[in-house]
Amino acid sequence: MKKKAISAALAGALAVSLLSACSSSSEPQNIADVTSSSSEAASSSTTQEAAEPAGAQEMTFVLNNTPDGLDPGVTNNSFAQYVIINCFEGLVTYDESGSLVGGSAEDWKVSDDGTVYTFHLRDGLKWSDGTPLTASDFVYAIQRVLTPETTAQYVSMVTGYVKGAQEYYDGTGTAEDLGVKAIDDQTLEITLLQPTSYFIDVLSMWVYDPVQQATVEANGDSWTTSAETYICNGPFKVTEMNANESVVLEKNENYWDADNVTLEKLTFRYILDNSTALTAYESGEVDGIISVPSSDYARLKAENAGLQVYPSYGTVYYNINCSVEPYDDPLVRKALCLAIDRQSLIDNVVQVDAEPAYSFLAPGYMVDGVDITEGRSDYGLSATADVEAAQAALAEAGYPNGEGFPTLQLSYYQDDTVSRIVEAMAEMLKTNLNIEVEVSSNDWAIFYENVVQGEYEVAAMGWSADYLNPMSFLPLFMTGDSTNNSFYSNPEYDALVQQVMSESDPQAAAELTMQAADIASNDYCCLPLYYKSNTFLMHDNISGFYMTASGNLYFKDVVVS
C-alpha cells in the first residue's frame, strides 16, 4: 500500500494492498492487488446490479494493515483511507461512475479568471454529534492543515494552490491574507494563486475535509483515537475502536443523505496475514478482504469467487537515479529499459493479468470521452526484451558488451513478491547487458529514506495518483520537486508542466501533458514495468460498493441481500 503523497512525506509500513497508497506518492508495490489489465478492470467494476435488502444490514471487511492515524488533516497513508472516506465528506466526492459530484457542497461556481471558487453548502449540514456544520468549519480545517504543529503530510496540496497558504504556513501571512473565507454559514470562497483547471479534482482529497474545531481543541491529537471523540460528517460514524483489531462504523443519522444509506453497520477488521484473511473470507466469516494473495489470484478468478477488479490510475516502475554516473546518461537508462522482459515478469513472476508499461504516465484519464494516452508512442520499448537494441544503446554509451560498466546496485524493500521481481530483473540485466548486478533490500522506511536522499542507483518504486488528473504524475519528474526522487531534470519538460498547471482548457492541457510525458519518456526518466489495477474480494450478497481509480472504496450505497 502506498503512502499517498504529493509532498515529500515519508511512506510508512510495507503494503499489501494498493501499489505505494500511499495513493499516492512513491509507494510499496503489492503485485497481487495491482496488476490486472485495464480492460478487465473496466468490465469487472460495472457488473453489480441493484439488490433488495435482506436480513441484517451489516458487513465485515478485512483490511491488511493498520493505519498510522485517522486524522484527515494529518495522514497521507492509504491504510487510513477506508475509514476516512466513509466517515468524512469534503466539498466534492465521487459517485459510482467515477464522476466528480457535490459532497457537502450542493453546487459551486468559478470566476471568469479561474481563480475564485465559490461553494454553496447543502442545507442543514450537521456533524455526527448533531451540531451544525458550516463554512467556518472548512476554514478552520484548512487553517489547521497550514499550522506546522499539525504536521499535515499533504500540506503541499494546499500551499501549492491556495492564495496566501504558504505565507500562513511560514508565519508571514495572516488569516485575512489566506484565500479561504466563510462568506456566510453556507458559502465558502477559495481563492487560488493562479488559474488551475484541475483544482476541483484536488479538492476531492481528504486533506480538504472539514474537522470539528470544538472536538479537536478539547482533545488535541487524541481526538481520533476514541469513538466518542471521533466526530465526523460522512455517511458513517465510528462507534468502536479496538486497537489493532477493528474499527466499527454505524450509519450516521445526521448525514445529509442518511435516508439513502441502507447499511447499518460496517466493521473494518485488521488481519495482517493474507492467507489468514483469505481463509476467513472463504469460510464466510467475513464479507470481503482488501488484499488478494497473488498465488490464489488465478484460482479465485476461475472459481468466480467474488474477485473485484477496478481501474487504478497508477504505474509500477523502478526509479533510476538520473543524477549519478553512469545513469545520468539517457542511453544507459534506455539500455536498462530495453533489457527487461515485461511480459515474462507478468506471466511468470506476478502471474496475473497486467498491461506492460512504456511510460510513467498511466492510461485512464479521459477528455471528451477519449483517453489522452490513446495512440501515444511506445518509446522504442516492447513487452519482451529487445536484447540487440539494449546492447546497442549500452555500446553507444561507451560500454560495448557491458565492458567497463560498474556493478549495478538494484535495491528494494522487504517484500516476498517484490523480491521475486527484483531477482528476475537482475538476471535479465546480467544476461541481456552482460553486466554485474548487486541486489540489496531494507525495510520500507529505511529504503524510502535512501531513495529520497538519492542514495541508490535503481530502486523498486511506483505511483498511484492521489486525484484523477495527470498532474498527480507530472511533478514526479519536475526539477527540484519534492516528489522527484529520480532527480531527472529537463527544462523543456519543466516549462510544459508549468503550462499544464495554468491551462484552463482541458483539451489543451491534455495536449501539453502528452508533450511533456513524451519528453520525459524519451529520456527514459524511469524504468516502467506495467500499469496497475486494484483488486479485492467481496461476496455476491454485498452490492452497491464502488472504488475510484485513486483507490477509495465507498460503502455508502451498500445493500446486503
Protein backbone atom coordinates (compact mmCIF):
# COMPACT_ATOMS: atom_id res chain seq x y z
CA MET A 1 0.00 0.00 0.00
CA LYS A 2 1.31 3.40 -0.64
CA LYS A 3 1.63 6.37 1.48
CA LYS A 4 -0.15 8.62 -0.91
CA ALA A 5 1.82 11.79 -1.02
CA ILE A 6 2.29 14.63 -3.42
CA SER A 7 4.59 16.02 -0.75
CA ALA A 8 7.90 14.50 0.29
CA ALA A 9 6.38 12.88 3.36
CA LEU A 10 7.91 9.54 4.16
CA ALA A 11 5.83 6.48 3.37
CA GLY A 12 5.08 4.15 6.21
CA ALA A 13 4.70 0.43 6.57
CA LEU A 14 5.02 -2.17 3.85
CA ALA A 15 1.95 -2.52 1.76
CA VAL A 16 -0.02 -5.43 0.56
CA SER A 17 -2.98 -3.68 -0.95
CA LEU A 18 -2.59 -0.79 -3.41
CA LEU A 19 0.69 -0.27 -5.33
CA SER A 20 2.79 2.53 -2.50
CA ALA A 21 -1.31 4.07 -1.49
CA CYS A 22 0.41 5.56 -0.12
CA SER A 23 -2.47 6.97 -3.19
CA SER A 24 -0.13 8.05 -3.90
CA SER A 25 3.42 9.13 -3.53
CA SER A 26 6.17 6.76 -4.17
CA GLU A 27 4.87 3.56 -2.84
CA PRO A 28 5.45 0.00 -1.91
CA GLN A 29 4.07 -2.32 -4.57
CA ASN A 30 1.63 -5.10 -3.85
CA ILE A 31 1.70 -7.02 -7.06
CA ALA A 32 -1.32 -9.18 -6.33
CA ASP A 33 -3.63 -6.24 -5.91
CA VAL A 34 -2.45 -4.01 -8.68
CA THR A 35 -1.81 -5.83 -11.86
CA SER A 36 -4.99 -6.72 -13.70
CA SER A 37 -5.49 -5.30 -17.15
CA SER A 38 -7.40 -2.09 -17.60
CA SER A 39 -9.88 -3.67 -19.99
CA GLU A 40 -10.74 -6.39 -17.48
CA ALA A 41 -10.98 -3.78 -14.75
CA ALA A 42 -13.36 -1.67 -16.75
CA SER A 43 -15.76 -4.54 -17.22
CA SER A 44 -15.47 -6.12 -13.79
CA SER A 45 -16.26 -2.94 -11.92
CA THR A 46 -19.61 -2.42 -13.63
CA THR A 47 -21.25 -5.80 -13.12
CA GLN A 48 -23.17 -5.01 -9.93
CA GLU A 49 -26.95 -4.90 -10.12
CA ALA A 50 -29.40 -3.26 -7.77
CA ALA A 51 -30.43 -5.56 -4.93
CA GLU A 52 -33.17 -5.60 -2.33
CA PRO A 53 -32.11 -5.56 1.33
CA ALA A 54 -32.47 -8.89 3.13
CA GLY A 55 -31.71 -9.56 6.76
CA ALA A 56 -29.38 -7.51 8.94
CA GLN A 57 -27.72 -4.70 7.04
CA GLU A 58 -24.30 -5.41 8.48
CA MET A 59 -21.00 -6.45 6.92
CA THR A 60 -17.35 -7.07 7.81
CA PHE A 61 -14.49 -6.11 5.53
CA VAL A 62 -10.86 -7.08 6.17
CA LEU A 63 -8.01 -4.60 5.90
CA ASN A 64 -4.47 -5.91 5.72
CA ASN A 65 -2.73 -3.26 7.77
CA THR A 66 -3.47 -0.75 10.49
CA PRO A 67 -3.33 2.95 9.57
CA ASP A 68 -0.83 5.39 11.03
CA GLY A 69 -3.74 7.58 12.15
CA LEU A 70 -7.28 8.58 11.18
CA ASP A 71 -6.95 12.37 11.11
CA PRO A 72 -7.87 13.61 7.61
CA GLY A 73 -5.85 16.76 8.22
CA VAL A 74 -2.68 14.84 9.05
CA THR A 75 -2.32 11.45 7.38
CA ASN A 76 -1.45 10.65 3.79
CA ASN A 77 -1.42 6.92 4.47
CA SER A 78 -3.78 4.89 2.32
CA PHE A 79 -4.27 2.32 5.06
CA ALA A 80 -6.42 5.06 6.64
CA GLN A 81 -8.46 5.85 3.56
CA TYR A 82 -11.16 3.22 4.07
CA VAL A 83 -12.27 4.72 7.38
CA ILE A 84 -11.73 8.37 6.43
CA ILE A 85 -13.61 8.43 3.13
CA ASN A 86 -16.60 6.64 4.65
CA CYS A 87 -16.71 8.83 7.77
CA PHE A 88 -15.89 12.21 6.25
CA GLU A 89 -17.17 14.07 3.20
CA GLY A 90 -15.49 17.09 1.67
CA LEU A 91 -16.89 19.72 -0.64
CA VAL A 92 -16.83 17.27 -3.55
CA THR A 93 -16.73 13.49 -3.84
CA TYR A 94 -17.00 10.72 -6.45
CA ASP A 95 -20.06 8.72 -7.44
CA GLU A 96 -20.24 5.11 -8.60
CA SER A 97 -19.37 6.07 -12.19
CA GLY A 98 -16.18 7.81 -11.08
CA SER A 99 -17.64 11.24 -11.80
CA LEU A 100 -16.87 14.17 -9.53
CA VAL A 101 -20.07 15.32 -7.79
CA GLY A 102 -21.09 17.57 -4.95
CA GLY A 103 -20.45 16.29 -1.45
CA SER A 104 -21.01 18.77 1.36
CA ALA A 105 -21.29 21.39 -1.37
CA GLU A 106 -24.51 21.39 -3.37
CA ASP A 107 -23.00 23.43 -6.18
CA TRP A 108 -20.16 25.81 -6.98
CA LYS A 109 -19.05 28.39 -9.49
CA VAL A 110 -15.70 29.58 -10.75
CA SER A 111 -14.83 33.19 -11.52
CA ASP A 112 -14.17 34.24 -15.09
CA ASP A 113 -10.43 34.42 -14.44
CA GLY A 114 -10.42 30.89 -12.95
CA THR A 115 -9.00 31.88 -9.58
CA VAL A 116 -12.02 32.16 -7.27
CA TYR A 117 -14.17 29.14 -6.38
CA THR A 118 -17.43 29.79 -4.54
CA PHE A 119 -19.12 26.80 -2.91
CA HIS A 120 -22.70 26.69 -1.67
CA LEU A 121 -23.11 24.13 1.11
CA ARG A 122 -26.17 21.92 1.41
CA ASP A 123 -28.97 22.99 3.71
CA GLY A 124 -28.88 21.67 7.25
CA LEU A 125 -25.47 20.04 7.28
CA LYS A 126 -24.61 18.50 10.66
CA TRP A 127 -21.74 16.78 12.39
CA SER A 128 -22.26 13.24 13.61
CA ASP A 129 -22.97 14.64 17.10
CA GLY A 130 -25.90 16.62 15.69
CA THR A 131 -24.33 20.09 15.89
CA PRO A 132 -24.42 22.37 12.80
CA LEU A 133 -21.66 22.19 10.21
CA THR A 134 -20.94 25.49 8.46
CA ALA A 135 -18.49 27.07 6.04
CA SER A 136 -16.40 28.18 9.01
CA ASP A 137 -15.61 24.52 9.73
CA PHE A 138 -13.90 24.25 6.35
CA VAL A 139 -11.95 27.43 7.05
CA TYR A 140 -10.80 26.09 10.41
CA ALA A 141 -9.79 22.73 8.90
CA ILE A 142 -7.64 24.35 6.21
CA GLN A 143 -6.03 26.75 8.68
CA ARG A 144 -5.24 23.75 10.89
CA VAL A 145 -3.58 21.95 7.98
CA LEU A 146 -1.49 25.09 7.44
CA THR A 147 -0.33 25.14 11.06
CA PRO A 148 3.13 23.49 11.17
CA GLU A 149 2.41 21.84 14.52
CA THR A 150 -0.33 19.80 12.84
CA THR A 151 2.35 18.05 10.75
CA ALA A 152 -0.06 17.66 7.84
CA GLN A 153 1.55 15.27 5.37
CA TYR A 154 -0.47 16.67 2.47
CA VAL A 155 0.18 20.33 3.31
CA SER A 156 1.70 20.96 -0.14
CA MET A 157 -1.69 20.19 -1.68
CA VAL A 158 -2.86 23.40 -0.03
CA THR A 159 0.23 25.59 -0.11
CA GLY A 160 0.78 24.85 -3.79
CA TYR A 161 -2.64 26.13 -4.83
CA VAL A 162 -4.35 28.44 -2.34
CA LYS A 163 -3.52 32.13 -2.20
CA GLY A 164 -1.66 33.07 0.97
CA ALA A 165 -1.39 29.46 2.14
CA GLN A 166 2.40 29.23 2.03
CA GLU A 167 2.72 32.54 3.87
CA TYR A 168 0.23 31.39 6.51
CA TYR A 169 2.24 28.19 6.96
CA ASP A 170 5.52 30.13 7.18
CA GLY A 171 4.06 32.51 9.74
CA THR A 172 4.46 35.54 7.49
CA GLY A 173 0.78 35.76 6.50
CA THR A 174 -2.46 36.11 8.43
CA ALA A 175 -5.89 34.53 8.23
CA GLU A 176 -7.07 37.67 6.46
CA ASP A 177 -4.46 37.10 3.76
CA LEU A 178 -5.41 33.45 3.32
CA GLY A 179 -7.61 32.76 0.31
CA VAL A 180 -10.18 30.73 2.26
CA LYS A 181 -13.21 32.67 3.54
CA ALA A 182 -16.60 31.86 5.01
CA ILE A 183 -18.87 34.41 3.31
CA ASP A 184 -21.75 33.15 5.44
CA ASP A 185 -22.69 29.86 7.09
CA GLN A 186 -23.42 28.20 3.75
CA THR A 187 -20.96 29.92 1.43
CA LEU A 188 -17.25 29.15 1.20
CA GLU A 189 -14.84 31.03 -1.05
CA ILE A 190 -11.42 29.71 -2.05
CA THR A 191 -9.01 31.94 -3.99
CA LEU A 192 -6.12 30.36 -5.88
CA LEU A 193 -2.63 31.56 -6.70
CA GLN A 194 -3.34 31.13 -10.39
CA PRO A 195 -5.98 29.51 -12.62
CA THR A 196 -5.79 25.73 -12.10
CA SER A 197 -8.16 23.69 -14.23
CA TYR A 198 -7.82 20.56 -12.09
CA PHE A 199 -8.23 22.20 -8.66
CA ILE A 200 -11.70 20.71 -8.26
CA ASP A 201 -10.04 17.27 -8.51
CA VAL A 202 -7.55 18.25 -5.82
CA LEU A 203 -10.47 19.17 -3.55
CA SER A 204 -11.55 15.52 -3.53
CA MET A 205 -8.53 14.74 -1.33
CA TRP A 206 -9.29 14.30 2.36
CA VAL A 207 -6.82 16.99 3.38
CA TYR A 208 -9.64 19.42 2.48
CA ASP A 209 -12.23 17.60 4.64
CA PRO A 210 -13.79 19.61 7.48
CA VAL A 211 -12.95 18.77 11.08
CA GLN A 212 -14.88 19.97 14.13
CA GLN A 213 -12.96 22.70 15.92
CA ALA A 214 -14.54 22.08 19.33
CA THR A 215 -13.61 18.40 19.49
CA VAL A 216 -10.08 18.95 18.14
CA GLU A 217 -9.35 21.74 20.59
CA ALA A 218 -10.87 19.82 23.52
CA ASN A 219 -8.98 16.59 22.84
CA GLY A 220 -5.83 17.56 20.96
CA ASP A 221 -4.18 14.86 18.87
CA SER A 222 -6.15 12.16 20.70
CA TRP A 223 -9.48 13.16 19.15
CA THR A 224 -9.08 10.42 16.52
CA THR A 225 -8.25 7.65 18.98
CA SER A 226 -11.65 7.28 20.61
CA ALA A 227 -15.07 6.56 19.11
CA GLU A 228 -16.61 9.10 21.48
CA THR A 229 -14.48 11.97 20.16
CA TYR A 230 -14.21 10.94 16.50
CA ILE A 231 -16.76 13.46 15.26
CA CYS A 232 -17.27 13.30 11.50
CA ASN A 233 -19.73 14.31 8.78
CA GLY A 234 -19.92 11.39 6.34
CA PRO A 235 -22.41 8.56 5.83
CA PHE A 236 -20.97 6.57 8.74
CA LYS A 237 -19.70 7.33 12.23
CA VAL A 238 -17.29 5.37 14.41
CA THR A 239 -18.84 3.53 17.34
CA GLU A 240 -15.93 1.29 18.37
CA MET A 241 -12.15 1.43 18.10
CA ASN A 242 -10.40 -1.79 19.09
CA ALA A 243 -6.64 -1.27 18.87
CA ASN A 244 -5.01 -3.37 16.14
CA GLU A 245 -8.19 -5.44 15.82
CA SER A 246 -11.06 -3.47 14.30
CA VAL A 247 -12.90 -0.21 13.78
CA VAL A 248 -16.70 -0.40 13.84
CA LEU A 249 -18.78 2.08 11.86
CA GLU A 250 -22.51 2.60 12.03
CA LYS A 251 -24.88 4.65 9.91
CA ASN A 252 -24.64 8.38 10.68
CA GLU A 253 -28.23 9.50 11.17
CA ASN A 254 -27.09 13.12 10.87
CA TYR A 255 -25.61 12.69 7.39
CA TRP A 256 -27.40 14.90 4.85
CA ASP A 257 -28.29 11.89 2.68
CA ALA A 258 -28.91 9.38 5.51
CA ASP A 259 -32.28 8.38 4.04
CA ASN A 260 -30.42 6.73 1.16
CA VAL A 261 -27.89 4.87 3.32
CA THR A 262 -29.10 1.28 3.85
CA LEU A 263 -26.09 -0.28 5.55
CA GLU A 264 -26.45 -0.04 9.33
CA LYS A 265 -23.10 -1.43 10.48
CA LEU A 266 -19.69 -1.73 8.80
CA THR A 267 -16.82 -3.44 10.63
CA PHE A 268 -13.29 -2.97 9.36
CA ARG A 269 -11.29 -5.87 10.74
CA TYR A 270 -7.50 -5.96 10.66
CA ILE A 271 -5.95 -9.28 9.57
CA LEU A 272 -2.33 -8.74 8.60
CA ASP A 273 -1.67 -12.20 7.16
CA ASN A 274 -3.17 -12.51 3.68
CA SER A 275 -3.62 -16.28 3.87
CA THR A 276 -5.49 -15.98 7.16
CA ALA A 277 -7.69 -13.27 5.69
CA LEU A 278 -8.47 -15.44 2.66
CA THR A 279 -9.41 -18.36 4.89
CA ALA A 280 -11.81 -16.10 6.81
CA TYR A 281 -13.33 -14.97 3.51
CA GLU A 282 -13.73 -18.43 2.01
CA SER A 283 -15.28 -19.77 5.22
CA GLY A 284 -17.85 -16.97 5.20
CA GLU A 285 -16.52 -15.47 8.42
CA VAL A 286 -16.10 -12.08 6.68
CA ASP A 287 -17.78 -10.50 3.66
CA GLY A 288 -14.75 -9.11 1.87
CA ILE A 289 -10.98 -8.63 2.01
CA ILE A 290 -8.86 -5.87 0.51
CA SER A 291 -5.78 -7.93 -0.37
CA VAL A 292 -5.80 -10.87 -2.78
CA PRO A 293 -2.81 -13.25 -2.44
CA SER A 294 -1.08 -13.47 -5.81
CA SER A 295 -0.74 -17.25 -5.53
CA ASP A 296 -4.54 -17.56 -5.35
CA TYR A 297 -5.48 -14.95 -7.94
CA ALA A 298 -5.94 -17.30 -10.90
CA ARG A 299 -7.93 -19.82 -8.85
CA LEU A 300 -10.24 -17.20 -7.36
CA LYS A 301 -10.84 -15.73 -10.79
CA ALA A 302 -11.62 -19.14 -12.30
CA GLU A 303 -13.94 -20.03 -9.43
CA ASN A 304 -15.85 -16.74 -9.75
CA ALA A 305 -15.21 -16.28 -6.04
CA GLY A 306 -16.08 -12.59 -5.86
CA LEU A 307 -12.91 -11.15 -7.35
CA GLN A 308 -13.44 -7.41 -7.93
CA VAL A 309 -11.19 -5.59 -10.38
CA TYR A 310 -11.25 -1.81 -10.67
CA PRO A 311 -9.18 0.51 -12.84
CA SER A 312 -6.35 2.18 -10.97
CA TYR A 313 -4.66 5.35 -12.06
CA GLY A 314 -1.17 4.15 -11.33
CA THR A 315 2.05 2.71 -12.71
CA VAL A 316 4.59 0.22 -11.39
CA TYR A 317 8.06 1.41 -12.31
CA TYR A 318 11.61 1.44 -10.98
CA ASN A 319 13.39 4.67 -10.21
CA ILE A 320 16.69 5.29 -11.95
CA ASN A 321 18.87 7.85 -10.19
CA CYS A 322 19.43 10.28 -13.06
CA SER A 323 21.88 12.38 -11.03
CA VAL A 324 24.69 9.84 -10.68
CA GLU A 325 27.02 8.26 -13.22
CA PRO A 326 26.52 6.34 -15.41
CA TYR A 327 22.74 6.69 -15.02
CA ASP A 328 22.84 10.39 -15.86
CA ASP A 329 23.24 9.23 -19.48
CA PRO A 330 19.86 8.65 -21.22
CA LEU A 331 21.48 5.93 -23.34
CA VAL A 332 22.30 3.91 -20.24
CA ARG A 333 18.76 4.33 -18.97
CA LYS A 334 17.44 3.31 -22.39
CA ALA A 335 19.55 0.16 -22.30
CA LEU A 336 18.09 -0.81 -18.93
CA CYS A 337 14.54 -0.24 -20.17
CA LEU A 338 15.13 -2.31 -23.30
CA ALA A 339 16.71 -5.20 -21.40
CA ILE A 340 13.63 -6.03 -19.33
CA ASP A 341 11.11 -8.65 -20.45
CA ARG A 342 7.92 -7.16 -19.03
CA GLN A 343 5.69 -9.92 -20.32
CA SER A 344 7.82 -12.57 -18.65
CA LEU A 345 7.58 -10.71 -15.35
CA ILE A 346 3.81 -10.52 -15.70
CA ASP A 347 3.30 -14.11 -16.82
CA ASN A 348 5.94 -15.96 -14.81
CA VAL A 349 6.54 -13.86 -11.69
CA VAL A 350 3.44 -11.81 -10.97
CA GLN A 351 1.20 -14.41 -12.63
CA VAL A 352 -1.85 -12.22 -13.11
CA ASP A 353 -3.16 -10.16 -16.00
CA ALA A 354 -1.33 -6.87 -16.50
CA GLU A 355 -0.61 -4.33 -19.22
CA PRO A 356 3.09 -3.69 -19.96
CA ALA A 357 4.08 -0.07 -19.37
CA TYR A 358 6.38 2.02 -21.54
CA SER A 359 5.89 5.34 -19.73
CA PHE A 360 5.42 6.59 -16.18
CA LEU A 361 2.07 8.18 -17.14
CA ALA A 362 -0.75 5.67 -16.70
CA PRO A 363 -3.73 5.49 -19.05
CA GLY A 364 -7.16 6.24 -17.64
CA TYR A 365 -7.65 10.00 -17.81
CA MET A 366 -10.35 10.93 -20.32
CA VAL A 367 -11.06 14.19 -22.13
CA ASP A 368 -14.23 14.28 -24.23
CA GLY A 369 -14.55 10.53 -23.80
CA VAL A 370 -11.08 9.75 -25.14
CA ASP A 371 -8.11 8.55 -23.09
CA ILE A 372 -5.41 11.19 -23.52
CA THR A 373 -2.73 8.48 -23.87
CA GLU A 374 -4.51 6.81 -26.79
CA GLY A 375 -2.17 6.37 -29.76
CA ARG A 376 0.97 7.50 -27.93
CA SER A 377 4.45 6.20 -28.71
CA ASP A 378 5.93 3.09 -27.14
CA TYR A 379 9.24 4.99 -26.92
CA GLY A 380 11.05 2.12 -28.61
CA LEU A 381 10.12 -0.34 -25.86
CA SER A 382 8.17 -3.58 -26.13
CA ALA A 383 6.54 -6.21 -23.96
CA THR A 384 9.54 -8.51 -24.36
CA ALA A 385 13.20 -7.61 -24.05
CA ASP A 386 14.95 -6.23 -27.14
CA VAL A 387 18.44 -7.54 -26.37
CA GLU A 388 20.07 -6.31 -29.57
CA ALA A 389 18.77 -2.77 -29.14
CA ALA A 390 19.66 -2.78 -25.44
CA GLN A 391 23.24 -3.81 -26.15
CA ALA A 392 23.50 -1.23 -28.94
CA ALA A 393 22.37 1.56 -26.60
CA LEU A 394 24.85 0.48 -23.93
CA ALA A 395 27.65 0.32 -26.51
CA GLU A 396 26.76 3.82 -27.76
CA ALA A 397 27.01 5.00 -24.15
CA GLY A 398 30.61 3.71 -24.08
CA TYR A 399 30.15 0.23 -22.64
CA PRO A 400 30.35 -2.26 -25.53
CA ASN A 401 29.22 -5.70 -24.39
CA GLY A 402 28.99 -4.27 -20.88
CA GLU A 403 32.77 -3.70 -20.66
CA GLY A 404 33.72 -1.11 -18.08
CA PHE A 405 30.20 -0.77 -16.72
CA PRO A 406 30.18 -0.57 -12.89
CA THR A 407 28.25 -3.10 -10.85
CA LEU A 408 24.60 -2.00 -10.91
CA GLN A 409 23.07 -1.57 -7.45
CA LEU A 410 19.45 -2.78 -7.55
CA SER A 411 17.63 -2.06 -4.29
CA TYR A 412 14.17 -2.87 -2.99
CA TYR A 413 12.13 -3.02 0.20
CA GLN A 414 11.48 -6.27 2.02
CA ASP A 415 8.50 -7.97 0.39
CA ASP A 416 8.28 -11.51 -1.00
CA THR A 417 6.67 -10.61 -4.31
CA VAL A 418 8.90 -7.62 -4.96
CA SER A 419 11.88 -9.82 -4.09
CA ARG A 420 10.91 -12.28 -6.83
CA ILE A 421 10.54 -9.46 -9.36
CA VAL A 422 13.92 -8.00 -8.42
CA GLU A 423 15.61 -11.37 -8.74
CA ALA A 424 14.12 -11.85 -12.19
CA MET A 425 15.07 -8.33 -13.29
CA ALA A 426 18.62 -8.78 -12.01
CA GLU A 427 19.01 -11.92 -14.09
CA MET A 428 17.61 -10.16 -17.20
CA LEU A 429 20.02 -7.24 -16.79
CA LYS A 430 23.00 -9.55 -16.25
CA THR A 431 22.18 -11.79 -19.19
CA ASN A 432 20.97 -9.21 -21.69
CA LEU A 433 23.55 -6.48 -20.97
CA ASN A 434 26.47 -8.59 -19.73
CA ILE A 435 26.84 -6.50 -16.58
CA GLU A 436 27.12 -7.31 -12.89
CA VAL A 437 24.11 -6.62 -10.65
CA GLU A 438 24.15 -6.45 -6.88
CA VAL A 439 20.80 -6.73 -5.11
CA SER A 440 20.06 -5.26 -1.67
CA SER A 441 16.93 -4.82 0.45
CA ASN A 442 15.77 -2.98 3.54
CA ASP A 443 12.56 -2.33 5.41
CA TRP A 444 10.31 0.23 3.70
CA ALA A 445 11.08 3.24 5.92
CA ILE A 446 14.86 2.93 5.57
CA PHE A 447 14.63 2.01 1.89
CA TYR A 448 12.44 5.01 1.07
CA GLU A 449 14.59 7.39 3.07
CA ASN A 450 17.56 6.27 0.98
CA VAL A 451 15.58 6.87 -2.20
CA VAL A 452 14.56 10.37 -1.06
CA GLN A 453 18.18 11.15 -0.22
CA GLY A 454 19.37 9.87 -3.61
CA GLU A 455 21.38 7.07 -2.04
CA TYR A 456 20.55 4.45 -4.66
CA GLU A 457 21.05 3.63 -8.33
CA VAL A 458 17.97 1.64 -9.42
CA ALA A 459 15.17 1.12 -6.91
CA ALA A 460 11.74 -0.53 -6.74
CA MET A 461 9.05 2.13 -6.81
CA GLY A 462 5.75 3.15 -8.37
CA TRP A 463 2.97 5.70 -8.18
CA SER A 464 -0.79 5.78 -7.62
CA ALA A 465 -2.47 9.10 -8.33
CA ASP A 466 -3.86 10.98 -5.37
CA TYR A 467 -6.54 12.55 -7.56
CA LEU A 468 -7.83 11.78 -11.03
CA ASN A 469 -5.75 14.10 -13.15
CA PRO A 470 -2.36 13.73 -14.89
CA MET A 471 -0.99 16.48 -12.66
CA SER A 472 -0.73 13.86 -9.95
CA PHE A 473 2.03 12.31 -12.10
CA LEU A 474 3.79 15.21 -13.81
CA PRO A 475 5.56 16.71 -10.76
CA LEU A 476 7.35 13.37 -10.25
CA PHE A 477 9.95 14.43 -12.81
CA MET A 478 9.99 18.21 -12.41
CA THR A 479 13.33 19.70 -11.48
CA GLY A 480 13.50 20.28 -7.73
CA ASP A 481 10.04 18.96 -6.93
CA SER A 482 9.81 17.20 -3.57
CA THR A 483 8.39 14.09 -5.25
CA ASN A 484 11.16 13.90 -7.88
CA ASN A 485 13.18 11.08 -6.35
CA SER A 486 14.68 10.16 -9.72
CA PHE A 487 16.42 13.55 -9.82
CA TYR A 488 15.58 13.81 -13.50
CA SER A 489 15.86 17.32 -14.92
CA ASN A 490 14.84 18.74 -18.29
CA PRO A 491 13.99 22.47 -18.64
CA GLU A 492 11.70 21.79 -21.61
CA TYR A 493 9.71 19.28 -19.55
CA ASP A 494 9.52 21.73 -16.63
CA ALA A 495 8.22 24.51 -18.86
CA LEU A 496 5.48 22.31 -20.32
CA VAL A 497 4.34 21.17 -16.88
CA GLN A 498 4.11 24.79 -15.78
CA GLN A 499 1.89 25.44 -18.77
CA VAL A 500 -0.33 22.49 -17.88
CA MET A 501 -0.76 23.85 -14.36
CA SER A 502 -2.25 27.12 -15.58
CA GLU A 503 -4.10 25.88 -18.67
CA SER A 504 -7.87 26.14 -18.22
CA ASP A 505 -8.89 24.30 -21.40
CA PRO A 506 -8.93 20.51 -20.71
CA GLN A 507 -8.09 19.57 -24.29
CA ALA A 508 -5.18 21.98 -24.45
CA ALA A 509 -3.98 20.77 -21.06
CA ALA A 510 -4.15 17.17 -22.30
CA GLU A 511 -2.05 18.00 -25.35
CA LEU A 512 0.57 19.76 -23.22
CA THR A 513 0.54 16.83 -20.80
CA MET A 514 1.35 14.36 -23.55
CA GLN A 515 4.08 16.61 -24.94
CA ALA A 516 5.68 16.69 -21.50
CA ALA A 517 5.26 12.93 -20.95
CA ASP A 518 6.83 12.25 -24.35
CA ILE A 519 9.91 14.26 -23.42
CA ALA A 520 10.49 12.50 -20.11
CA SER A 521 9.63 9.07 -21.53
CA ASN A 522 12.00 9.53 -24.47
CA ASP A 523 14.67 10.42 -21.91
CA TYR A 524 13.88 7.16 -20.09
CA CYS A 525 13.36 9.03 -16.82
CA CYS A 526 12.47 5.75 -15.09
CA LEU A 527 12.12 2.03 -15.84
CA PRO A 528 8.39 1.36 -16.38
CA LEU A 529 7.06 -2.18 -15.90
CA TYR A 530 3.26 -2.30 -16.00
CA TYR A 531 0.02 -0.41 -15.37
CA LYS A 532 -1.93 -1.40 -12.35
CA SER A 533 -5.46 -2.10 -11.28
CA ASN A 534 -6.97 -2.58 -7.84
CA THR A 535 -8.40 -5.95 -6.82
CA PHE A 536 -10.23 -7.16 -3.76
CA LEU A 537 -12.74 -9.86 -2.82
CA MET A 538 -16.42 -9.41 -1.96
CA HIS A 539 -19.16 -11.99 -1.55
CA ASP A 540 -22.02 -11.68 -4.03
CA ASN A 541 -24.66 -10.88 -1.42
CA ILE A 542 -22.98 -7.47 -0.99
CA SER A 543 -23.75 -4.87 -3.65
CA GLY A 544 -23.56 -1.11 -4.09
CA PHE A 545 -19.88 -0.66 -3.17
CA TYR A 546 -17.57 1.09 -5.61
CA MET A 547 -13.91 2.03 -5.86
CA THR A 548 -12.39 5.05 -7.61
CA ALA A 549 -9.22 4.89 -9.65
CA SER A 550 -7.41 6.53 -6.72
CA GLY A 551 -8.26 3.50 -4.56
CA ASN A 552 -11.04 4.96 -2.42
CA LEU A 553 -13.60 2.26 -1.59
CA TYR A 554 -17.08 3.63 -0.84
CA PHE A 555 -19.71 1.73 1.16
CA LYS A 556 -22.46 4.37 1.48
CA ASP A 557 -24.64 2.67 -1.16
CA VAL A 558 -24.11 -0.90 0.02
CA VAL A 559 -27.04 -3.29 0.30
CA VAL A 560 -26.82 -6.71 1.98
CA SER A 561 -29.16 -9.23 0.32
